[in-house]
């Protein structure tokens, strides 16, 4: 697995290079057959540098603009590409590069329209146009449409790494971390996952505080901002953010309920439950909030069901496991299907998950890497039946420890990890529900069966 840093130039020009790949041509090799002109009004021309005036053929202008664009010299790219566009508005490569320059100038609506019309005129450009315009839609705040376009790319090309990465990043920034797990796990399967993405998988309920403040993960939307505040345990800020939204979505309402539970504000939590009478089965925050309320009311059977539902949605939530262990412990004296050993098993699971999050927090806060901590993290994840994450962290450890082992040994270890990863990708294992629940039969516990009832 390659551990690599974010390359801004690559992100900036990915749409262009996808276009080149899809068309099977290079900037100095125009398509053999011209296409109908794209109905876009050329932007107002700008004064060209003397060097540009000396270039009169489209391929040379395009090459000059492309080189400038790749190195981040947007003004230097503008002159040549506008001249090329005025000479050959029907050339797809010119149109695409012109749109890239407009995007870099933050003229997103024009850039998006240009690529949308190009995709209609030249079907081969549809996928790269979808991917690039999705990035611009994120920049201009049209997040739903951006998500739709990323998913359209993945529907057509399920292994599109950049689309998985950008979709996951968008979902994380919106606070939709549980949904982001799917594209992040896809990156793990491909063996192309970054360390910060692996840390996201360690804590799906809230980000590590240091990661939430990173520029490319800057939160967007009310849930995104609230989720970032939750990562800092700033629950007053979470409540203030979500209470300011009217009307609330089910996601916003569920996170607000969790904030009340985390704060121990049982009066507000009770009012929240009364106004949200219908359970949200796949919302971990809502189940957690209801569980805390039930435990506070000393209704541990109902609490057990709620916490089990919460961890089935988010098995990285150590708080839900700790709460589950507490409720099970209180039920031991009279519940038929609860034993002290079972409660202890849940407690050990909670402790293991908490340790993975602790290591993740340390990694987010510091550039220093302790190889023993990385080895421990990989082993914990293996024991937690999260093998793809475990293998990815093993690869991270090898990358950081390359100075401690011979190059051939390092390559041998990475090859073995890669083989295991490909085998897992080829034969994915379904989630073992009983393992996640530590064998807790929450349905029978919720019915109220007791030892006394059994004897009767």
Protein backbone atom coordinates (compact mmCIF):
# COMPACT_ATOMS: atom_id res chain seq x y z
CA UNK A 1 0.00 0.00 0.00
CA UNK A 2 1.30 3.44 -0.89
CA UNK A 3 1.22 6.05 1.85
CA UNK A 4 1.07 9.41 0.09
CA UNK A 5 0.40 13.04 0.92
CA UNK A 6 -2.35 15.13 -0.64
CA UNK A 7 -1.11 16.65 -3.89
CA UNK A 8 -2.89 19.94 -4.57
CA UNK A 9 -1.79 20.13 -8.21
CA UNK A 10 -3.06 16.63 -8.80
CA UNK A 11 -6.42 17.50 -7.30
CA UNK A 12 -6.57 20.66 -9.37
CA UNK A 13 -5.90 18.97 -12.70
CA UNK A 14 -7.44 15.54 -12.17
CA UNK A 15 -10.42 16.36 -14.38
CA UNK A 16 -8.16 17.28 -17.27
CA UNK A 17 -6.05 14.15 -17.06
CA UNK A 18 -9.12 11.95 -16.75
CA UNK A 19 -10.30 13.58 -19.94
CA UNK A 20 -7.01 12.85 -21.71
CA UNK A 21 -7.14 9.23 -20.59
CA UNK A 22 -10.75 8.78 -21.63
CA UNK A 23 -10.12 10.23 -25.10
CA UNK A 24 -6.83 8.44 -25.59
CA UNK A 25 -5.11 11.58 -26.84
CA UNK A 26 -2.60 14.17 -25.73
CA UNK A 27 -2.70 17.98 -25.89
CA UNK A 28 -0.81 18.09 -29.18
CA UNK A 29 -2.95 15.38 -30.76
CA UNK A 30 -6.44 16.74 -31.55
CA UNK A 31 -9.32 14.35 -32.05
CA UNK A 32 -9.44 13.05 -35.59
CA UNK A 33 -13.04 14.11 -36.06
CA UNK A 34 -14.29 17.55 -35.02
CA UNK A 35 -17.44 17.82 -32.95
CA UNK A 36 -20.22 20.37 -33.02
CA UNK A 37 -19.31 23.65 -31.35
CA UNK A 38 -20.30 23.86 -27.70
CA UNK A 39 -22.85 26.58 -27.07
CA UNK A 40 -20.81 28.65 -24.66
CA UNK A 41 -20.12 32.35 -25.00
CA UNK A 42 -16.35 32.86 -24.84
CA UNK A 43 -15.24 34.86 -21.79
CA UNK A 44 -13.98 38.36 -22.44
CA UNK A 45 -10.43 38.16 -23.82
CA UNK A 46 -7.59 39.38 -21.69
CA UNK A 47 -4.35 40.97 -22.74
CA UNK A 48 -1.87 38.29 -23.70
CA UNK A 49 1.80 38.35 -22.87
CA UNK A 50 4.17 38.95 -25.82
CA UNK A 51 5.29 35.32 -25.69
CA UNK A 52 1.70 34.19 -26.19
CA UNK A 53 1.24 36.41 -29.26
CA UNK A 54 4.05 34.52 -30.95
CA UNK A 55 2.15 31.23 -30.65
CA UNK A 56 -0.41 30.90 -33.42
CA UNK A 57 -1.36 27.19 -33.50
CA UNK A 58 -3.90 25.62 -31.16
CA UNK A 59 -1.79 22.63 -30.05
CA UNK A 60 1.02 24.91 -28.87
CA UNK A 61 -1.37 27.25 -27.09
CA UNK A 62 -3.02 24.29 -25.42
CA UNK A 63 0.30 22.84 -24.34
CA UNK A 64 1.40 26.19 -22.88
CA UNK A 65 -1.87 26.61 -20.98
CA UNK A 66 -1.77 23.03 -19.71
CA UNK A 67 1.76 23.39 -18.40
CA UNK A 68 0.89 26.63 -16.63
CA UNK A 69 -2.26 25.10 -15.16
CA UNK A 70 -0.36 22.12 -13.80
CA UNK A 71 2.07 24.39 -11.97
CA UNK A 72 -0.68 26.58 -10.53
CA UNK A 73 0.03 29.60 -12.76
CA UNK A 74 -3.57 30.42 -13.49
CA UNK A 75 -3.00 33.84 -15.02
CA UNK A 76 -0.31 32.43 -17.27
CA UNK A 77 -2.73 29.72 -18.41
CA UNK A 78 -5.57 32.17 -19.05
CA UNK A 79 -4.08 34.01 -22.00
CA UNK A 80 -3.11 31.01 -24.13
CA UNK A 81 -6.28 29.03 -23.47
CA UNK A 82 -8.56 31.99 -24.24
CA UNK A 83 -6.73 32.49 -27.54
CA UNK A 84 -7.01 28.78 -28.27
CA UNK A 85 -10.71 28.84 -27.38
CA UNK A 86 -11.33 31.73 -29.75
CA UNK A 87 -9.59 29.79 -32.52
CA UNK A 88 -11.04 26.32 -31.86
CA UNK A 89 -14.18 26.45 -29.67
CA UNK A 90 -15.14 23.00 -30.99
CA UNK A 91 -11.98 21.26 -29.72
CA UNK A 92 -12.89 19.19 -26.62
CA UNK A 93 -9.44 19.48 -25.05
CA UNK A 94 -9.51 23.22 -25.44
CA UNK A 95 -12.99 23.41 -23.95
CA UNK A 96 -12.04 21.22 -21.03
CA UNK A 97 -8.90 23.22 -20.28
CA UNK A 98 -10.82 26.49 -20.64
CA UNK A 99 -13.30 25.19 -18.06
CA UNK A 100 -10.43 24.23 -15.73
CA UNK A 101 -9.10 27.79 -15.88
CA UNK A 102 -12.57 29.20 -15.17
CA UNK A 103 -12.83 26.87 -12.21
CA UNK A 104 -9.49 28.04 -10.85
CA UNK A 105 -10.79 31.60 -11.21
CA UNK A 106 -13.77 30.59 -9.03
CA UNK A 107 -16.18 31.15 -11.90
CA UNK A 108 -17.89 27.88 -11.06
CA UNK A 109 -21.30 28.28 -12.76
CA UNK A 110 -19.61 29.08 -16.09
CA UNK A 111 -17.12 26.24 -15.71
CA UNK A 112 -19.83 23.74 -14.79
CA UNK A 113 -22.06 24.77 -17.68
CA UNK A 114 -19.15 24.50 -20.09
CA UNK A 115 -18.31 20.92 -19.04
CA UNK A 116 -21.96 19.87 -18.89
CA UNK A 117 -22.42 20.99 -22.49
CA UNK A 118 -19.17 19.35 -23.51
CA UNK A 119 -20.29 16.06 -21.92
CA UNK A 120 -23.50 16.23 -23.91
CA UNK A 121 -21.65 16.89 -27.15
CA UNK A 122 -18.82 14.40 -26.52
CA UNK A 123 -20.07 11.40 -24.50
CA UNK A 124 -16.50 10.22 -23.86
CA UNK A 125 -15.99 13.21 -21.59
CA UNK A 126 -19.04 12.55 -19.41
CA UNK A 127 -17.31 10.77 -16.51
CA UNK A 128 -14.36 13.14 -16.12
CA UNK A 129 -16.77 16.06 -16.47
CA UNK A 130 -18.96 14.63 -13.70
CA UNK A 131 -15.99 14.22 -11.40
CA UNK A 132 -14.57 17.68 -12.02
CA UNK A 133 -17.89 19.52 -11.85
CA UNK A 134 -18.69 17.71 -8.60
CA UNK A 135 -15.61 19.32 -7.06
CA UNK A 136 -16.75 22.75 -8.22
CA UNK A 137 -20.27 22.12 -6.92
CA UNK A 138 -18.77 21.43 -3.48
CA UNK A 139 -16.88 24.71 -3.69
CA UNK A 140 -20.02 26.68 -4.50
CA UNK A 141 -22.06 24.94 -1.79
CA UNK A 142 -24.24 22.68 -3.96
CA UNK A 143 -23.43 19.60 -1.89
CA UNK A 144 -26.40 17.43 -2.81
CA UNK A 145 -25.76 17.78 -6.53
CA UNK A 146 -22.05 17.16 -6.00
CA UNK A 147 -22.86 13.93 -4.16
CA UNK A 148 -25.18 12.87 -6.98
CA UNK A 149 -22.39 13.35 -9.52
CA UNK A 150 -19.79 11.47 -7.48
CA UNK A 151 -22.20 8.56 -7.12
CA UNK A 152 -22.92 8.64 -10.85
CA UNK A 153 -19.19 8.22 -11.50
CA UNK A 154 -19.04 5.29 -9.07
CA UNK A 155 -22.10 3.67 -10.63
CA UNK A 156 -20.24 3.67 -13.94
CA UNK A 157 -16.76 2.92 -12.54
CA UNK A 158 -17.05 1.27 -9.08
CA UNK A 159 -13.26 1.29 -8.61
CA UNK A 160 -12.81 5.02 -9.30
CA UNK A 161 -10.46 5.85 -6.44
CA UNK A 162 -10.68 9.63 -6.73
CA UNK A 163 -14.49 9.53 -6.70
CA UNK A 164 -14.51 7.36 -3.57
CA UNK A 165 -12.04 9.73 -1.92
CA UNK A 166 -13.88 12.93 -2.83
CA UNK A 167 -17.28 11.48 -1.91
CA UNK A 168 -15.97 10.33 1.48
CA UNK A 169 -14.44 13.74 2.10
CA UNK A 170 -17.71 15.49 1.25
CA UNK A 171 -19.71 13.21 3.57
CA UNK A 172 -17.20 13.63 6.41
CA UNK A 173 -17.31 17.41 6.10
CA UNK A 174 -21.11 17.29 6.26
CA UNK A 175 -20.96 15.22 9.45
CA UNK A 176 -22.32 12.13 7.67
CA UNK A 177 -19.49 9.99 8.94
CA UNK A 178 -21.36 6.67 9.05
CA UNK A 179 -22.20 7.07 5.35
CA UNK A 180 -18.57 7.95 4.63
CA UNK A 181 -17.49 4.53 5.95
CA UNK A 182 -18.55 2.81 2.69
CA UNK A 183 -16.30 4.78 0.30
CA UNK A 184 -13.48 4.73 2.88
CA UNK A 185 -13.68 0.96 3.17
CA UNK A 186 -13.63 0.80 -0.63
CA UNK A 187 -10.31 2.67 -0.52
CA UNK A 188 -9.03 0.12 2.00
CA UNK A 189 -10.04 -2.67 -0.37
CA UNK A 190 -8.13 -0.98 -3.19
CA UNK A 191 -5.04 -0.55 -1.02
CA UNK A 192 -5.10 3.20 -1.69
CA UNK A 193 -6.07 4.79 1.61
CA UNK A 194 -4.49 7.69 3.46
CA UNK A 195 -3.75 7.75 7.17
CA UNK A 196 -6.26 10.48 7.94
CA UNK A 197 -8.96 8.41 6.20
CA UNK A 198 -8.07 5.44 8.37
CA UNK A 199 -8.44 7.62 11.45
CA UNK A 200 -11.95 8.53 10.34
CA UNK A 201 -12.87 4.85 10.44
CA UNK A 202 -11.67 4.66 14.05
CA UNK A 203 -14.29 7.17 15.20
CA UNK A 204 -17.49 7.37 13.19
CA UNK A 205 -19.59 9.19 15.79
CA UNK A 206 -17.32 12.26 15.88
CA UNK A 207 -13.94 13.32 14.46
CA UNK A 208 -10.75 13.57 16.40
CA UNK A 209 -10.40 17.23 17.32
CA UNK A 210 -7.11 17.72 15.48
CA UNK A 211 -8.47 16.16 12.28
CA UNK A 212 -11.65 18.24 12.30
CA UNK A 213 -9.56 21.42 12.11
CA UNK A 214 -7.63 20.37 9.00
CA UNK A 215 -8.33 22.59 6.01
CA UNK A 216 -9.51 19.93 3.57
CA UNK A 217 -11.92 18.54 6.20
CA UNK A 218 -13.31 21.91 7.27
CA UNK A 219 -16.90 21.17 8.38
CA UNK A 220 -19.80 22.36 6.25
CA UNK A 221 -23.48 22.57 7.17
CA UNK A 222 -25.04 22.46 10.61
CA UNK A 223 -24.43 18.74 11.18
CA UNK A 224 -20.84 19.06 10.02
CA UNK A 225 -20.17 21.92 12.43
CA UNK A 226 -22.00 20.17 15.25
CA UNK A 227 -20.12 16.93 14.66
CA UNK A 228 -16.80 18.81 14.75
CA UNK A 229 -17.79 20.42 18.06
CA UNK A 230 -18.75 16.99 19.40
CA UNK A 231 -15.23 15.79 18.60
CA UNK A 232 -13.98 18.46 21.01
CA UNK A 233 -16.61 17.54 23.66
CA UNK A 234 -18.13 20.99 23.20
CA UNK A 235 -21.69 19.81 23.64
CA UNK A 236 -23.06 23.27 24.45
CA UNK A 237 -21.89 24.35 21.00
CA UNK A 238 -23.50 21.26 19.45
CA UNK A 239 -26.82 22.10 21.08
CA UNK A 240 -26.65 25.77 20.10
CA UNK A 241 -25.82 24.89 16.49
CA UNK A 242 -28.65 22.39 16.10
CA UNK A 243 -31.29 24.36 18.01
CA UNK A 244 -30.78 27.21 15.54
CA UNK A 245 -32.05 25.04 12.69
CA UNK A 246 -35.79 25.04 11.91
CA UNK A 247 -37.19 22.68 10.84
CA UNK A 248 -34.72 19.95 11.79
CA UNK A 249 -33.92 16.93 9.70
CA UNK A 250 -33.98 13.51 11.35
CA UNK A 251 -30.17 13.56 11.42
CA UNK A 252 -30.05 16.96 13.10
CA UNK A 253 -32.71 15.96 15.61
CA UNK A 254 -30.94 12.70 16.47
CA UNK A 255 -27.62 14.44 17.08
CA UNK A 256 -29.38 17.00 19.26
CA UNK A 257 -30.85 14.16 21.33
CA UNK A 258 -27.40 12.68 21.71
CA UNK A 259 -26.05 16.04 22.82
CA UNK A 260 -28.66 16.20 25.60
CA UNK A 261 -27.70 12.66 26.64
CA UNK A 262 -23.98 13.49 26.64
CA UNK A 263 -24.66 16.57 28.75
CA UNK A 264 -26.82 14.63 31.22
CA UNK A 265 -29.66 17.10 30.55
CA UNK A 266 -32.43 14.60 31.22
CA UNK A 267 -35.24 17.15 31.25
CA UNK A 268 -34.39 18.29 27.72
CA UNK A 269 -33.79 14.68 26.72
CA UNK A 270 -37.26 13.70 27.92
CA UNK A 271 -38.83 16.56 25.96
CA UNK A 272 -36.82 15.50 22.90
CA UNK A 273 -38.16 11.94 23.17
CA UNK A 274 -41.73 13.14 23.56
CA UNK A 275 -41.46 15.08 20.31
CA UNK A 276 -39.70 12.21 18.49
CA UNK A 277 -41.94 9.30 19.30
CA UNK A 278 -41.05 7.22 16.24
CA UNK A 279 -37.77 5.32 16.50
CA UNK A 280 -35.18 5.91 13.82
CA UNK A 281 -33.86 2.34 13.36
CA UNK A 282 -30.67 3.15 11.49
CA UNK A 283 -29.66 6.26 13.39
CA UNK A 284 -27.00 5.53 15.99
CA UNK A 285 -27.31 8.94 17.68
CA UNK A 286 -31.05 8.53 18.26
CA UNK A 287 -30.67 5.03 19.68
CA UNK A 288 -27.88 6.21 22.00
CA UNK A 289 -30.02 9.08 23.29
CA UNK A 290 -33.00 6.81 23.94
CA UNK A 291 -30.75 4.31 25.67
CA UNK A 292 -29.33 6.92 28.05
CA UNK A 293 -32.86 8.09 28.84
CA UNK A 294 -34.04 4.53 29.51
CA UNK A 295 -31.06 3.82 31.76
CA UNK A 296 -31.76 7.02 33.68
CA UNK A 297 -35.34 5.81 34.16
CA UNK A 298 -33.91 2.49 35.46
CA UNK A 299 -35.46 0.65 32.53
CA UNK A 300 -32.33 -1.32 31.69
CA UNK A 301 -34.10 -3.85 29.48
CA UNK A 302 -35.18 -1.08 27.14
CA UNK A 303 -31.74 0.53 27.49
CA UNK A 304 -30.05 -2.71 26.41
CA UNK A 305 -32.14 -2.82 23.23
CA UNK A 306 -31.38 0.82 22.44
CA UNK A 307 -27.63 0.48 22.96
CA UNK A 308 -27.53 -2.73 20.93
CA UNK A 309 -29.28 -0.96 18.06
CA UNK A 310 -26.78 1.89 18.38
CA UNK A 311 -23.72 -0.34 18.11
CA UNK A 312 -25.20 -2.30 15.23
CA UNK A 313 -25.25 1.02 13.37
CA UNK A 314 -21.86 2.16 14.67
CA UNK A 315 -19.57 -0.50 16.11
CA UNK A 316 -16.86 2.11 16.77
CA UNK A 317 -18.94 3.81 19.48
CA UNK A 318 -17.15 2.88 22.71
CA UNK A 319 -19.56 5.03 24.75
CA UNK A 320 -22.51 2.93 23.63
CA UNK A 321 -20.61 -0.24 24.57
CA UNK A 322 -19.76 1.13 28.03
CA UNK A 323 -23.42 2.07 28.57
CA UNK A 324 -24.50 -1.38 27.40
CA UNK A 325 -22.09 -3.03 29.84
CA UNK A 326 -23.50 -0.95 32.71
CA UNK A 327 -27.11 -1.82 31.91
CA UNK A 328 -26.27 -5.52 31.55
CA UNK A 329 -24.47 -5.49 34.91
CA UNK A 330 -27.55 -4.08 36.62
CA UNK A 331 -29.71 -6.80 35.03
CA UNK A 332 -27.51 -9.72 36.11
CA UNK A 333 -29.40 -10.55 39.35
CA UNK A 334 -32.77 -11.22 37.72
CA UNK A 335 -32.53 -11.31 33.89
CA UNK A 336 -32.68 -14.81 32.42
CA UNK A 337 -30.39 -14.16 29.46
CA UNK A 338 -27.77 -11.99 31.12
CA UNK A 339 -24.69 -13.17 32.98
CA UNK A 340 -21.83 -11.40 34.69
CA UNK A 341 -19.47 -12.92 32.12
CA UNK A 342 -21.50 -11.43 29.29
CA UNK A 343 -21.43 -7.99 30.87
CA UNK A 344 -17.67 -8.34 31.31
CA UNK A 345 -17.25 -9.32 27.66
CA UNK A 346 -19.07 -6.17 26.59
CA UNK A 347 -16.93 -4.10 28.95
CA UNK A 348 -13.76 -5.57 27.46
CA UNK A 349 -15.03 -4.77 23.96
CA UNK A 350 -15.71 -1.18 25.03
CA UNK A 351 -12.21 -0.93 26.46
CA UNK A 352 -10.62 -2.24 23.25
CA UNK A 353 -12.54 0.21 21.07
CA UNK A 354 -11.72 3.06 23.42
CA UNK A 355 -8.04 2.16 23.07
CA UNK A 356 -8.22 2.31 19.26
CA UNK A 357 -9.72 5.79 19.54
CA UNK A 358 -7.08 6.81 22.07
CA UNK A 359 -4.30 5.80 19.69
CA UNK A 360 -6.10 7.53 16.83
CA UNK A 361 -6.35 10.72 18.87
CA UNK A 362 -2.62 10.61 19.59
CA UNK A 363 -1.85 10.12 15.89
CA UNK A 364 -4.04 13.08 14.96
CA UNK A 365 -2.35 15.35 17.50
CA UNK A 366 1.28 14.60 16.67
CA UNK A 367 3.54 13.99 13.70
CA UNK A 368 5.55 11.53 15.76
CA UNK A 369 4.77 7.84 15.21
CA UNK A 370 5.29 5.14 17.82
CA UNK A 371 5.73 1.83 16.01
CA UNK A 372 4.54 -0.12 19.05
CA UNK A 373 1.30 1.89 19.12
CA UNK A 374 0.75 1.23 15.42
CA UNK A 375 1.33 -2.50 15.96
CA UNK A 376 -1.09 -2.48 18.89
CA UNK A 377 -3.70 -0.65 16.83
CA UNK A 378 -3.44 -3.16 13.99
CA UNK A 379 -3.79 -6.08 16.44
CA UNK A 380 -6.79 -4.51 18.16
CA UNK A 381 -8.54 -4.00 14.82
CA UNK A 382 -7.81 -7.58 13.82
CA UNK A 383 -9.35 -8.79 17.10
CA UNK A 384 -12.35 -6.53 16.46
CA UNK A 385 -12.94 -8.30 13.11
CA UNK A 386 -11.95 -5.24 11.07
CA UNK A 387 -9.29 -6.89 8.89
CA UNK A 388 -9.02 -4.33 6.09
CA UNK A 389 -8.33 -1.57 8.58
CA UNK A 390 -5.85 -3.81 10.38
CA UNK A 391 -3.92 -4.55 7.19
CA UNK A 392 -3.89 -0.87 6.25
CA UNK A 393 -2.43 0.12 9.62
CA UNK A 394 0.15 -2.66 9.31
CA UNK A 395 1.23 -1.07 6.04
CA UNK A 396 1.40 2.34 7.70
CA UNK A 397 3.65 0.87 10.39
CA UNK A 398 5.96 -0.66 7.81
CA UNK A 399 6.19 2.66 5.95
CA UNK A 400 7.16 4.53 9.11
CA UNK A 401 9.55 1.78 10.22
CA UNK A 402 11.37 1.38 6.92
CA UNK A 403 14.64 2.57 8.49
CA UNK A 404 14.53 -0.30 10.98
CA UNK A 405 14.27 -3.18 8.51
CA UNK A 406 16.03 -4.18 5.31
CA UNK A 407 14.43 -3.07 2.04
CA UNK A 408 13.84 -6.65 0.86
CA UNK A 409 12.15 -7.53 4.15
CA UNK A 410 9.96 -4.46 3.93
CA UNK A 411 8.91 -5.37 0.41
CA UNK A 412 8.21 -8.94 1.48
CA UNK A 413 5.94 -7.75 4.30
CA UNK A 414 4.08 -5.33 2.04
CA UNK A 415 3.60 -8.04 -0.57
CA UNK A 416 2.08 -10.35 2.01
CA UNK A 417 -0.24 -7.59 3.25
CA UNK A 418 -1.29 -6.85 -0.32
CA UNK A 419 -2.07 -10.50 -0.99
CA UNK A 420 -4.24 -10.69 2.12
CA UNK A 421 -5.99 -7.46 1.13
CA UNK A 422 -6.79 -8.75 -2.37
CA UNK A 423 -8.13 -11.99 -0.92
CA UNK A 424 -10.41 -10.05 1.43
CA UNK A 425 -11.58 -7.84 -1.43
CA UNK A 426 -12.30 -10.91 -3.52
CA UNK A 427 -14.15 -12.71 -0.73
CA UNK A 428 -15.68 -10.04 1.53
CA UNK A 429 -16.99 -11.26 4.86
CA UNK A 430 -20.43 -10.09 6.01
CA UNK A 431 -20.72 -8.31 9.34
CA UNK A 432 -21.12 -10.83 12.15
CA UNK A 433 -24.03 -9.37 14.07
CA UNK A 434 -23.56 -11.67 17.04
CA UNK A 435 -19.90 -10.70 17.30
CA UNK A 436 -20.76 -7.00 17.24
CA UNK A 437 -23.33 -7.57 20.01
CA UNK A 438 -20.96 -9.79 22.03
CA UNK A 439 -23.66 -12.45 21.93
CA UNK A 440 -26.26 -10.26 23.70
CA UNK A 441 -29.79 -11.41 22.86
CA UNK A 442 -31.35 -8.01 23.28
CA UNK A 443 -34.72 -9.04 21.86
CA UNK A 444 -35.37 -11.59 24.58
CA UNK A 445 -33.98 -9.26 27.25
CA UNK A 446 -36.35 -6.53 26.09
CA UNK A 447 -39.38 -8.83 26.58
CA UNK A 448 -38.71 -8.88 30.31
CA UNK A 449 -37.91 -12.59 30.76
CA UNK A 450 -36.46 -13.18 34.24
CA UNK A 451 -35.18 -16.15 36.19
CA UNK A 452 -38.37 -16.05 38.25
CA UNK A 453 -40.54 -16.20 35.12
CA UNK A 454 -38.52 -19.13 33.84
CA UNK A 455 -39.14 -21.14 37.05
CA UNK A 456 -42.86 -20.47 36.79
